[in-house]
Amino acid sequence: MAEINPLLIVIGDKPSRVNVQRSRGDTSPQNYQLVDRTMTVIDVTGRTFRLAVDPSSEPTSDVNEIYELTGEIVDAEAGKIRFPLSAGDAAATAGAYFYDIEMTYDEDDAALGVIKTIAKGRWRIKQDVTK
């Protein structure tokens, strides 16, 4: 499968604001590339990623969560990751939602992983025409 141009996530002190618009029913992965503030690619070797979509911008639990996706590293040295969607995920009701991405990594060889929210924004699912 050909890679779709990734959305850039700029890693800094605050989560990068990145809005996403998808068509309902599309199972193509959501692609991202991580860079720092100088636009230098960040090597993501050994890191893990989770993406959650929810109707609330500040949910207190995952009860209403639309779905949660596990990230895959596409090219670690190039900072490229993707979040595959299943047919069930892609069939979510069209509407306006919120999402964020968490990255887990080891800092200074710490035994416990550090979790950092690296991106957040609106996740819009447009109604498709083809059924």
C-alpha atoms as a PDB file:
ATOM      1  CA  MET A   1       0.000   0.000   0.000  1.00  0.00           C
ATOM      2  CA  ALA A   2       1.377   3.411  -0.929  1.00  0.00           C
ATOM      3  CA  GLU A   3       1.981   5.741   1.987  1.00  0.00           C
ATOM      4  CA  ILE A   4      -0.275   8.769   2.200  1.00  0.00           C
ATOM      5  CA  ASN A   5       1.559  11.984   3.099  1.00  0.00           C
ATOM      6  CA  PRO A   6       1.874  12.043   6.869  1.00  0.00           C
ATOM      7  CA  LEU A   7       0.637  14.867   9.086  1.00  0.00           C
ATOM      8  CA  LEU A   8       3.477  16.536  11.013  1.00  0.00           C
ATOM      9  CA  ILE A   9       3.610  16.413  14.796  1.00  0.00           C
ATOM     10  CA  VAL A  10       6.008  18.997  16.216  1.00  0.00           C
ATOM     11  CA  ILE A  11       7.317  17.713  19.543  1.00  0.00           C
ATOM     12  CA  GLY A  12       7.676  20.497  22.096  1.00  0.00           C
ATOM     13  CA  ASP A  13       6.571  21.484  25.572  1.00  0.00           C
ATOM     14  CA  LYS A  14       2.867  21.285  24.662  1.00  0.00           C
ATOM     15  CA  PRO A  15       0.972  18.819  22.470  1.00  0.00           C
ATOM     16  CA  SER A  16       0.983  19.719  18.794  1.00  0.00           C
ATOM     17  CA  ARG A  17      -2.455  20.830  17.516  1.00  0.00           C
ATOM     18  CA  VAL A  18      -3.307  18.695  14.492  1.00  0.00           C
ATOM     19  CA  ASN A  19      -6.860  18.388  13.164  1.00  0.00           C
ATOM     20  CA  VAL A  20      -7.877  15.284  11.209  1.00  0.00           C
ATOM     21  CA  GLN A  21     -10.680  14.814   8.712  1.00  0.00           C
ATOM     22  CA  ARG A  22     -11.572  11.320   7.507  1.00  0.00           C
ATOM     23  CA  SER A  23     -14.358   9.810   5.433  1.00  0.00           C
ATOM     24  CA  ARG A  24     -16.568   7.251   7.163  1.00  0.00           C
ATOM     25  CA  GLY A  25     -15.740   3.730   5.990  1.00  0.00           C
ATOM     26  CA  ASP A  26     -12.139   4.493   4.947  1.00  0.00           C
ATOM     27  CA  THR A  27      -9.692   2.015   6.470  1.00  0.00           C
ATOM     28  CA  SER A  28      -6.488   3.662   5.253  1.00  0.00           C
ATOM     29  CA  PRO A  29      -4.130   4.240   8.196  1.00  0.00           C
ATOM     30  CA  GLN A  30      -3.708   7.680   9.719  1.00  0.00           C
ATOM     31  CA  ASN A  31      -0.072   8.641   9.097  1.00  0.00           C
ATOM     32  CA  TYR A  32       2.148  11.007  11.077  1.00  0.00           C
ATOM     33  CA  GLN A  33       5.773  12.115  11.111  1.00  0.00           C
ATOM     34  CA  LEU A  34       7.435  13.414  14.284  1.00  0.00           C
ATOM     35  CA  VAL A  35       9.781  16.394  14.133  1.00  0.00           C
ATOM     36  CA  ASP A  36      11.211  18.829  16.676  1.00  0.00           C
ATOM     37  CA  ARG A  37      10.772  22.611  16.634  1.00  0.00           C
ATOM     38  CA  THR A  38      13.623  22.994  14.123  1.00  0.00           C
ATOM     39  CA  MET A  39      11.820  20.513  11.811  1.00  0.00           C
ATOM     40  CA  THR A  40      14.484  17.863  12.440  1.00  0.00           C
ATOM     41  CA  VAL A  41      13.076  14.349  12.270  1.00  0.00           C
ATOM     42  CA  ILE A  42      12.810  12.517  15.612  1.00  0.00           C
ATOM     43  CA  ASP A  43      13.940   8.882  15.693  1.00  0.00           C
ATOM     44  CA  VAL A  44      11.089   6.870  17.248  1.00  0.00           C
ATOM     45  CA  THR A  45      12.984   3.626  17.804  1.00  0.00           C
ATOM     46  CA  GLY A  46      11.663   1.826  20.893  1.00  0.00           C
ATOM     47  CA  ARG A  47       8.712   4.148  21.400  1.00  0.00           C
ATOM     48  CA  THR A  48       5.048   3.149  21.501  1.00  0.00           C
ATOM     49  CA  PHE A  49       1.981   5.163  20.524  1.00  0.00           C
ATOM     50  CA  ARG A  50      -1.743   5.204  21.354  1.00  0.00           C
ATOM     51  CA  LEU A  51      -4.486   7.328  19.794  1.00  0.00           C
ATOM     52  CA  ALA A  52      -7.935   7.730  21.345  1.00  0.00           C
ATOM     53  CA  VAL A  53     -11.022   9.353  19.779  1.00  0.00           C
ATOM     54  CA  ASP A  54     -13.809  10.602  22.050  1.00  0.00           C
ATOM     55  CA  PRO A  55     -16.889  12.867  21.813  1.00  0.00           C
ATOM     56  CA  SER A  56     -15.514  14.935  24.721  1.00  0.00           C
ATOM     57  CA  SER A  57     -12.398  17.107  24.609  1.00  0.00           C
ATOM     58  CA  GLU A  58     -11.701  16.267  28.260  1.00  0.00           C
ATOM     59  CA  PRO A  59     -13.236  12.850  29.038  1.00  0.00           C
ATOM     60  CA  THR A  60     -12.995  11.559  32.593  1.00  0.00           C
ATOM     61  CA  SER A  61     -13.171   7.912  31.483  1.00  0.00           C
ATOM     62  CA  ASP A  62     -13.101   5.817  28.313  1.00  0.00           C
ATOM     63  CA  VAL A  63     -16.805   4.868  28.565  1.00  0.00           C
ATOM     64  CA  ASN A  64     -17.854   7.007  25.553  1.00  0.00           C
ATOM     65  CA  GLU A  65     -14.641   6.500  23.580  1.00  0.00           C
ATOM     66  CA  ILE A  66     -15.288   5.974  19.877  1.00  0.00           C
ATOM     67  CA  TYR A  67     -12.125   3.896  19.493  1.00  0.00           C
ATOM     68  CA  GLU A  68      -8.523   3.566  20.581  1.00  0.00           C
ATOM     69  CA  LEU A  69      -5.796   2.742  18.074  1.00  0.00           C
ATOM     70  CA  THR A  70      -2.319   1.336  18.580  1.00  0.00           C
ATOM     71  CA  GLY A  71       0.425   3.001  16.578  1.00  0.00           C
ATOM     72  CA  GLU A  72       2.863   1.180  14.337  1.00  0.00           C
ATOM     73  CA  ILE A  73       6.321   2.436  13.485  1.00  0.00           C
ATOM     74  CA  VAL A  74       6.669   2.700   9.698  1.00  0.00           C
ATOM     75  CA  ASP A  75      10.220   4.118   9.562  1.00  0.00           C
ATOM     76  CA  ALA A  76      11.810   4.710  12.986  1.00  0.00           C
ATOM     77  CA  GLU A  77      14.740   6.838  11.821  1.00  0.00           C
ATOM     78  CA  ALA A  78      12.427   9.020   9.707  1.00  0.00           C
ATOM     79  CA  GLY A  79      10.004   9.465  12.627  1.00  0.00           C
ATOM     80  CA  LYS A  80       7.106   7.938  10.694  1.00  0.00           C
ATOM     81  CA  ILE A  81       4.228   6.213  12.469  1.00  0.00           C
ATOM     82  CA  ARG A  82       0.734   5.146  11.506  1.00  0.00           C
ATOM     83  CA  PHE A  83      -2.495   4.114  13.158  1.00  0.00           C
ATOM     84  CA  PRO A  84      -4.340   1.380  11.236  1.00  0.00           C
ATOM     85  CA  LEU A  85      -8.142   1.385  11.364  1.00  0.00           C
ATOM     86  CA  SER A  86     -10.224  -1.775  11.226  1.00  0.00           C
ATOM     87  CA  ALA A  87     -13.471  -1.902   9.256  1.00  0.00           C
ATOM     88  CA  GLY A  88     -15.299  -1.615  12.596  1.00  0.00           C
ATOM     89  CA  ASP A  89     -13.319   1.513  13.542  1.00  0.00           C
ATOM     90  CA  ALA A  90     -13.933   3.057  10.120  1.00  0.00           C
ATOM     91  CA  ALA A  91     -17.687   2.446  10.465  1.00  0.00           C
ATOM     92  CA  ALA A  92     -17.953   4.902  13.380  1.00  0.00           C
ATOM     93  CA  THR A  93     -20.815   7.374  13.147  1.00  0.00           C
ATOM     94  CA  ALA A  94     -20.013  10.502  11.160  1.00  0.00           C
ATOM     95  CA  GLY A  95     -19.526  13.509  13.410  1.00  0.00           C
ATOM     96  CA  ALA A  96     -17.113  15.818  15.189  1.00  0.00           C
ATOM     97  CA  TYR A  97     -14.901  14.290  17.874  1.00  0.00           C
ATOM     98  CA  PHE A  98     -11.655  14.965  19.711  1.00  0.00           C
ATOM     99  CA  TYR A  99      -8.467  12.910  19.829  1.00  0.00           C
ATOM    100  CA  ASP A 100      -5.026  12.790  21.293  1.00  0.00           C
ATOM    101  CA  ILE A 101      -1.881  10.733  20.810  1.00  0.00           C
ATOM    102  CA  GLU A 102       0.286   9.482  23.649  1.00  0.00           C
ATOM    103  CA  MET A 103       3.896   8.433  23.159  1.00  0.00           C
ATOM    104  CA  THR A 104       5.629   6.161  25.668  1.00  0.00           C
ATOM    105  CA  TYR A 105       9.407   6.129  25.831  1.00  0.00           C
ATOM    106  CA  ASP A 106      12.304   5.589  28.221  1.00  0.00           C
ATOM    107  CA  GLU A 107      14.060   8.709  29.425  1.00  0.00           C
ATOM    108  CA  ASP A 108      17.691   8.460  30.531  1.00  0.00           C
ATOM    109  CA  ASP A 109      17.410   4.661  30.580  1.00  0.00           C
ATOM    110  CA  ALA A 110      14.668   4.822  33.216  1.00  0.00           C
ATOM    111  CA  ALA A 111      13.057   1.481  33.955  1.00  0.00           C
ATOM    112  CA  LEU A 112       9.583   2.997  33.777  1.00  0.00           C
ATOM    113  CA  GLY A 113       8.239   4.395  30.538  1.00  0.00           C
ATOM    114  CA  VAL A 114       7.500   8.099  30.314  1.00  0.00           C
ATOM    115  CA  ILE A 115       4.096   8.920  28.787  1.00  0.00           C
ATOM    116  CA  LYS A 116       3.717  12.191  26.912  1.00  0.00           C
ATOM    117  CA  THR A 117       0.722  13.542  25.000  1.00  0.00           C
ATOM    118  CA  ILE A 118       2.290  14.660  21.734  1.00  0.00           C
ATOM    119  CA  ALA A 119      -0.729  15.687  19.664  1.00  0.00           C
ATOM    120  CA  LYS A 120      -4.373  16.578  20.078  1.00  0.00           C
ATOM    121  CA  GLY A 121      -7.130  18.152  18.075  1.00  0.00           C
ATOM    122  CA  ARG A 122     -10.419  17.588  16.346  1.00  0.00           C
ATOM    123  CA  TRP A 123     -11.170  14.285  14.644  1.00  0.00           C
ATOM    124  CA  ARG A 124     -13.937  14.783  12.083  1.00  0.00           C
ATOM    125  CA  ILE A 125     -15.575  11.847  10.349  1.00  0.00           C
ATOM    126  CA  LYS A 126     -17.461  12.919   7.222  1.00  0.00           C
ATOM    127  CA  GLN A 127     -20.368  10.870   5.947  1.00  0.00           C
ATOM    128  CA  ASP A 128     -19.406   8.890   2.848  1.00  0.00           C
ATOM    129  CA  VAL A 129     -21.601   8.468  -0.225  1.00  0.00           C
ATOM    130  CA  THR A 130     -20.691   4.882  -1.111  1.00  0.00           C
ATOM    131  CA  LYS A 131     -22.288   2.302   1.200  1.00  0.00           C
END
